[in-house]
Each structure stands twice: as structure tokens, then as C-alpha cells.
Protein backbone atom coordinates (compact mmCIF):
# COMPACT_ATOMS: atom_id res chain seq x y z
CA UNK A 1 -134.28 -78.83 123.58
CA UNK A 2 -131.88 -81.70 122.90
CA UNK A 3 -131.04 -82.36 119.24
CA UNK A 4 -129.42 -85.22 117.37
CA UNK A 5 -126.48 -83.75 115.48
CA UNK A 6 -124.23 -85.41 112.93
CA UNK A 7 -120.86 -83.76 112.34
CA UNK A 8 -118.14 -84.75 109.89
CA UNK A 9 -114.45 -84.07 110.33
CA UNK A 10 -114.71 -84.65 114.07
CA UNK A 11 -111.35 -86.36 114.36
CA UNK A 12 -109.41 -83.17 115.02
CA UNK A 13 -109.53 -79.41 115.45
CA UNK A 14 -112.76 -77.46 115.73
CA UNK A 15 -114.87 -80.46 114.71
CA UNK A 16 -113.52 -82.61 117.53
CA UNK A 17 -113.95 -79.88 120.12
CA UNK A 18 -117.45 -79.07 118.92
CA UNK A 19 -118.56 -82.72 118.98
CA UNK A 20 -117.49 -82.97 122.61
CA UNK A 21 -118.96 -79.57 123.46
CA UNK A 22 -122.35 -80.42 121.96
CA UNK A 23 -122.41 -83.73 123.85
CA UNK A 24 -121.65 -81.87 127.08
CA UNK A 25 -124.71 -79.71 126.42
CA UNK A 26 -126.88 -82.82 126.32
CA UNK A 27 -127.21 -83.28 122.58
CA UNK A 28 -126.89 -86.69 120.94
CA UNK A 29 -123.80 -86.45 118.74
CA UNK A 30 -123.03 -88.70 115.80
CA UNK A 31 -119.47 -87.95 114.76
CA UNK A 32 -117.63 -89.13 111.68
CA UNK A 33 -113.85 -89.29 111.48
CA UNK A 34 -111.57 -89.92 108.51
CA UNK A 35 -109.68 -92.93 109.85
CA UNK A 36 -109.49 -95.43 112.71
CA UNK A 37 -106.70 -93.69 114.69
CA UNK A 38 -108.90 -90.58 114.79
CA UNK A 39 -111.79 -92.74 116.00
CA UNK A 40 -109.65 -93.98 118.87
CA UNK A 41 -108.56 -90.45 119.69
CA UNK A 42 -112.12 -89.11 119.77
CA UNK A 43 -113.32 -92.06 121.86
CA UNK A 44 -110.60 -91.35 124.42
CA UNK A 45 -111.34 -87.62 124.43
CA UNK A 46 -115.07 -88.25 124.89
CA UNK A 47 -114.41 -90.65 127.74
CA UNK A 48 -112.11 -88.12 129.42
CA UNK A 49 -114.85 -85.48 129.07
CA UNK A 50 -117.45 -87.84 130.51
CA UNK A 51 -119.71 -87.83 127.45
CA UNK A 52 -121.09 -90.41 125.03
CA UNK A 53 -120.56 -89.86 121.31
CA UNK A 54 -121.53 -92.26 118.54
CA UNK A 55 -118.49 -92.40 116.28
CA UNK A 56 -118.09 -93.95 112.85
CA UNK A 57 -115.37 -93.91 110.22
CA UNK A 58 -116.20 -91.93 107.10
CA UNK A 59 -113.61 -90.70 104.67
CA UNK A 60 -115.97 -88.35 102.84
CA UNK A 61 -114.15 -88.96 99.54
CA UNK A 62 -115.04 -92.67 99.74
CA UNK A 63 -118.46 -93.52 98.28
CA UNK A 64 -118.82 -96.69 100.40
CA UNK A 65 -118.00 -94.72 103.54
CA UNK A 66 -120.58 -92.07 102.66
CA UNK A 67 -123.25 -94.76 102.47
CA UNK A 68 -122.88 -95.16 106.25
CA UNK A 69 -124.56 -91.80 106.72
CA UNK A 70 -127.80 -93.37 105.53
CA UNK A 71 -127.96 -95.63 108.59
CA UNK A 72 -128.58 -92.72 110.96
CA UNK A 73 -131.41 -90.38 111.86
CA UNK A 74 -130.46 -86.84 112.87
CA UNK A 75 -131.92 -83.33 113.16
CA UNK A 76 -128.87 -81.30 112.12
CA UNK A 77 -126.00 -82.07 109.77
CA UNK A 78 -122.70 -80.22 110.12
CA UNK A 79 -120.29 -80.52 107.18
CA UNK A 80 -116.98 -79.82 108.88
CA UNK A 81 -114.47 -82.08 107.09
CA UNK A 82 -111.89 -80.08 105.11
CA UNK A 83 -108.25 -79.83 104.11
CA UNK A 84 -106.03 -76.81 103.53
CA UNK A 85 -102.98 -76.00 101.46
CA UNK A 86 -101.16 -72.79 100.58
CA UNK A 87 -98.98 -71.62 97.73
CA UNK A 88 -99.27 -69.67 94.47
CA UNK A 89 -102.41 -70.93 92.78
CA UNK A 90 -100.89 -70.43 89.32
CA UNK A 91 -97.92 -72.70 90.14
CA UNK A 92 -99.30 -75.30 92.52
CA UNK A 93 -99.60 -78.77 90.92
CA UNK A 94 -103.10 -79.14 89.55
CA UNK A 95 -103.29 -82.53 91.22
CA UNK A 96 -103.07 -80.81 94.61
CA UNK A 97 -105.81 -78.37 93.67
CA UNK A 98 -108.04 -81.16 92.42
CA UNK A 99 -107.50 -83.15 95.62
CA UNK A 100 -108.39 -80.13 97.74
CA UNK A 101 -111.58 -79.51 95.75
CA UNK A 102 -112.45 -83.19 95.99
CA UNK A 103 -112.61 -82.91 99.77
CA UNK A 104 -113.76 -79.33 100.37
CA UNK A 105 -116.29 -79.07 97.55
CA UNK A 106 -117.31 -82.26 95.75
CA UNK A 107 -117.27 -84.74 98.64
CA UNK A 108 -118.66 -82.16 101.05
CA UNK A 109 -121.55 -81.62 98.65
CA UNK A 110 -122.00 -85.40 98.36
CA UNK A 111 -122.53 -85.64 102.13
CA UNK A 112 -124.79 -82.58 102.15
CA UNK A 113 -126.93 -84.12 99.41
CA UNK A 114 -127.39 -87.26 101.51
CA UNK A 115 -128.41 -85.08 104.46
CA UNK A 116 -130.68 -82.98 102.26
CA UNK A 117 -132.59 -86.02 101.01
CA UNK A 118 -132.91 -87.28 104.59
CA UNK A 119 -134.33 -83.94 105.73
CA UNK A 120 -136.63 -83.50 102.72
CA UNK A 121 -138.23 -86.85 103.51
CA UNK A 122 -138.72 -85.71 107.12
CA UNK A 123 -139.80 -82.21 106.00
CA UNK A 124 -137.46 -80.65 108.55
CA UNK A 125 -133.79 -80.36 109.39
CA UNK A 126 -130.77 -78.11 109.11
CA UNK A 127 -127.50 -78.29 107.19
CA UNK A 128 -124.57 -76.25 108.46
CA UNK A 129 -121.58 -75.82 106.18
CA UNK A 130 -118.32 -75.04 107.93
CA UNK A 131 -116.99 -72.36 105.65
CA UNK A 132 -114.30 -69.83 106.59
CA UNK A 133 -113.38 -66.19 106.50
CA UNK A 134 -111.87 -67.34 103.19
CA UNK A 135 -115.41 -67.90 101.95
CA UNK A 136 -115.49 -64.24 100.94
CA UNK A 137 -111.83 -63.26 101.29
CA UNK A 138 -108.78 -64.25 99.26
CA UNK A 139 -105.14 -63.25 99.15
CA UNK A 140 -101.91 -64.19 97.45
CA UNK A 141 -100.75 -67.74 98.23
CA UNK A 142 -104.06 -68.56 99.93
CA UNK A 143 -106.15 -69.00 96.79
CA UNK A 144 -106.43 -72.79 96.86
CA UNK A 145 -108.38 -72.96 100.08
CA UNK A 146 -110.22 -69.68 99.47
CA UNK A 147 -111.47 -70.79 96.05
CA UNK A 148 -112.88 -73.99 97.54
CA UNK A 149 -114.67 -72.06 100.27
CA UNK A 150 -115.98 -69.54 97.75
CA UNK A 151 -117.55 -72.51 95.96
CA UNK A 152 -118.99 -73.81 99.21
CA UNK A 153 -120.58 -70.42 99.90
CA UNK A 154 -122.34 -70.54 96.53
CA UNK A 155 -123.52 -74.08 97.23
CA UNK A 156 -124.89 -73.05 100.62
CA UNK A 157 -126.68 -69.99 99.23
CA UNK A 158 -128.29 -72.02 96.47
CA UNK A 159 -129.33 -74.87 98.75
CA UNK A 160 -130.81 -72.47 101.28
CA UNK A 161 -133.29 -71.26 98.67
CA UNK A 162 -133.87 -74.64 97.06
CA UNK A 163 -134.65 -76.45 100.32
CA UNK A 164 -136.77 -73.76 101.90
CA UNK A 165 -139.97 -75.21 100.45
CA UNK A 166 -139.21 -78.46 102.29
CA UNK A 167 -138.72 -76.73 105.65
CA UNK A 168 -134.98 -77.48 105.56
CA UNK A 169 -132.62 -74.77 106.79
CA UNK A 170 -129.11 -74.14 105.45
CA UNK A 171 -126.43 -71.95 106.99
CA UNK A 172 -122.69 -71.34 107.10
CA UNK A 173 -120.27 -70.80 109.95
CA UNK A 174 -117.18 -68.80 109.00
CA UNK A 175 -114.31 -69.00 111.50
CA UNK A 176 -111.44 -66.56 111.53
CA UNK A 177 -107.88 -67.67 112.30
CA UNK A 178 -107.77 -70.18 115.17
CA UNK A 179 -104.78 -72.13 116.45
CA UNK A 180 -105.76 -75.72 115.74
CA UNK A 181 -102.74 -76.67 113.61
CA UNK A 182 -104.91 -76.58 110.48
CA UNK A 183 -103.36 -73.39 109.11
CA UNK A 184 -99.81 -74.36 110.03
CA UNK A 185 -100.15 -77.64 108.16
CA UNK A 186 -101.33 -75.69 105.13
CA UNK A 187 -98.26 -73.46 104.92
CA UNK A 188 -95.95 -76.42 105.45
CA UNK A 189 -97.56 -78.47 102.69
CA UNK A 190 -96.38 -76.24 99.86
CA UNK A 191 -92.72 -76.85 100.66
CA UNK A 192 -93.26 -80.47 99.63
CA UNK A 193 -93.56 -79.47 95.98
CA UNK A 194 -92.20 -75.92 95.68
CA UNK A 195 -88.76 -75.74 94.08
CA UNK A 196 -87.08 -72.31 93.99
CA UNK A 197 -84.97 -73.45 91.05
CA UNK A 198 -88.05 -74.41 89.08
CA UNK A 199 -90.81 -72.07 90.18
CA UNK A 200 -91.02 -68.31 89.66
CA UNK A 201 -92.62 -67.14 92.93
CA UNK A 202 -90.02 -65.76 95.32
CA UNK A 203 -89.26 -67.71 98.48
CA UNK A 204 -89.25 -64.40 100.38
CA UNK A 205 -92.85 -63.66 99.40
CA UNK A 206 -93.96 -67.15 100.35
CA UNK A 207 -92.33 -66.92 103.76
CA UNK A 208 -93.76 -63.45 104.32
CA UNK A 209 -97.23 -64.84 103.64
CA UNK A 210 -96.78 -67.17 106.61
CA UNK A 211 -96.54 -64.28 109.05
CA UNK A 212 -99.39 -64.08 111.52
CA UNK A 213 -99.60 -67.75 112.38
CA UNK A 214 -98.41 -66.85 115.87
CA UNK A 215 -101.34 -64.44 116.27
CA UNK A 216 -104.21 -66.87 115.93
CA UNK A 217 -107.08 -67.09 118.40
CA UNK A 218 -107.79 -69.67 121.08
CA UNK A 219 -109.86 -72.40 119.33
CA UNK A 220 -112.04 -72.85 122.41
CA UNK A 221 -113.64 -69.49 121.63
CA UNK A 222 -114.74 -70.76 118.22
CA UNK A 223 -115.82 -74.11 119.63
CA UNK A 224 -118.03 -72.33 122.15
CA UNK A 225 -119.60 -70.25 119.37
CA UNK A 226 -120.27 -73.35 117.27
CA UNK A 227 -121.81 -75.16 120.23
CA UNK A 228 -124.05 -72.12 120.73
CA UNK A 229 -125.14 -71.69 117.10
CA UNK A 230 -125.48 -75.22 115.71
CA UNK A 231 -128.46 -76.41 117.85
CA UNK A 232 -130.43 -73.16 117.49
CA UNK A 233 -133.76 -73.20 115.68
CA UNK A 234 -133.17 -69.73 114.23
CA UNK A 235 -130.04 -67.67 113.59
CA UNK A 236 -128.32 -65.74 110.81
CA UNK A 237 -127.54 -67.53 107.55
CA UNK A 238 -123.86 -66.64 108.00
CA UNK A 239 -122.12 -66.66 111.37
CA UNK A 240 -118.64 -65.16 111.11
CA UNK A 241 -116.56 -65.15 114.29
CA UNK A 242 -114.88 -63.32 115.94
CA UNK A 243 -116.45 -59.97 115.14
CA UNK A 244 -113.23 -58.44 113.79
CA UNK A 245 -113.16 -61.30 111.26
CA UNK A 246 -116.75 -60.52 110.27
CA UNK A 247 -115.83 -56.85 109.81
CA UNK A 248 -112.77 -57.74 107.73
CA UNK A 249 -114.96 -59.89 105.48
CA UNK A 250 -117.42 -57.03 104.98
CA UNK A 251 -114.63 -54.55 104.32
CA UNK A 252 -112.89 -56.68 101.70
CA UNK A 253 -116.14 -57.24 99.83
CA UNK A 254 -116.65 -53.46 99.69
CA UNK A 255 -113.07 -52.77 98.63
CA UNK A 256 -113.28 -55.22 95.75
CA UNK A 257 -115.59 -52.78 93.97
CA UNK A 258 -112.94 -50.04 94.04
CA UNK A 259 -109.86 -52.02 92.98
CA UNK A 260 -108.38 -50.95 89.65
CA UNK A 261 -105.87 -52.87 87.54
């Protein structure tokens, strides 16, 4: 059955691919992008794919932009907009951490609250939070992003229970490492502020933490999984993909109980 699906962060990466993929499957897609160049890019991509997508500009950190959500009716809301940054969480400028939380947590919750009110009035709907493997995993120099996704997981779990009485579903999708450029931009960002003459963390450790970026998965695999899961009437609360990522998440959660300091 065709659904009307609103997705944020559709100007690039998995969000962009998923918006197009859902439209190809016959769903009505309402896609928000952060800025006008992204709107142009998504319009061109949709035209090339032979699909129609309703696109509007919404920087989710902008209150006036968020008001535009209230002009639409939709069955499913996908909170995909996010930013990423790496580096030692105890040395990163607090301004950078606050900016990351503003997007990934506070503004994401602002949009989800608008969607929640919309669905409560309708007495049906579904909110999907795009989380990450980092939603339950964390490692050195990846704590900024992981901490924001940990917060998002708690928000999703709480909202799932709170909205159940209104027939509103809540779920998370937790991608593993996919080659969209998102992770590469994160490791590059820290070199804008990190100063080896000022900071204590070793450059060698930081560079070593960047290993593995050349072993990421084809993003189309994740896009296909998202296109499969998002329109479904029933599925697991958490969808982690691929399966080795799901297993790594389970394993780390178990190991945390045995760590000694």
C-alpha cells in the first residue's frame, strides 16, 4: 500500500538515496533539505530517476523552517538529518559539541515532536529515527557522534512507550559503516581545530583511528534496506544493518558488563 512519507536530511547520502528509492516504489515522498543548492541537486536526481518528489528547504535548527513541516500531511516521518565530527571528546571545543547536539539531538527532537503531535491528532502514524551503530557503540575519538546517537536512542525508546496509547509507532534504523562521504567528512573536521602543539592527544592515535574508512559498505545496500523497512506496518523497533554490524552492537553491549578499570 502506498504511503506518504516525509524525510529530513534528504539533500545527500542515505537520505537522498532513500527518498528517491521510496518514490520509485510508488510512495509519495516529501523531502526536506538543508539549503537551496541541495534542493536543486535532489530535484535533478529525482528527474533523472523519473520520479516526483515534493521538496522543501528546512534547516532543522531553524525554528521558522521547522514551521513548514506543519503544512503537510504524511503517514510516516523519518528523522534523517544529522552531522558528524570526530576527535577526542575531552579536548574538542565545546562549541563543536554543542553544535553537533543541536542538530543530532535537540533539533531532531523538535521535528519529531511536530510529527508526534500531527500523528496523535490523527491517532496513527510512525516516526523513524535514523540512529547508527554508534547508538549503542562508542570508541576513542568517536565519542561526539556516538554520544548524540546514544541520546537519540533514549528519546526513541521513551517516545515509543509514550505514543503507544495514541496508536503512533516509533522505531530506529541503525546503519553500519557506509561510503557516503559522511564518515570521511567527520574525520577531516577535527583537523580544523586540533593543534599538536596545544593538545595532548597524539597525532598518531588520531590518524590510526581513521583506519577502516576504505572498508565501508556500498550505500545502496543500506538504501535498499531503508526503502524496505520504512513503509512497513510492522517490524522490529531497532533495525541494525548489515547483520555483522548488528552482531557487533550486541557484542559490545555484553562486553561492557565485564570491563574493569
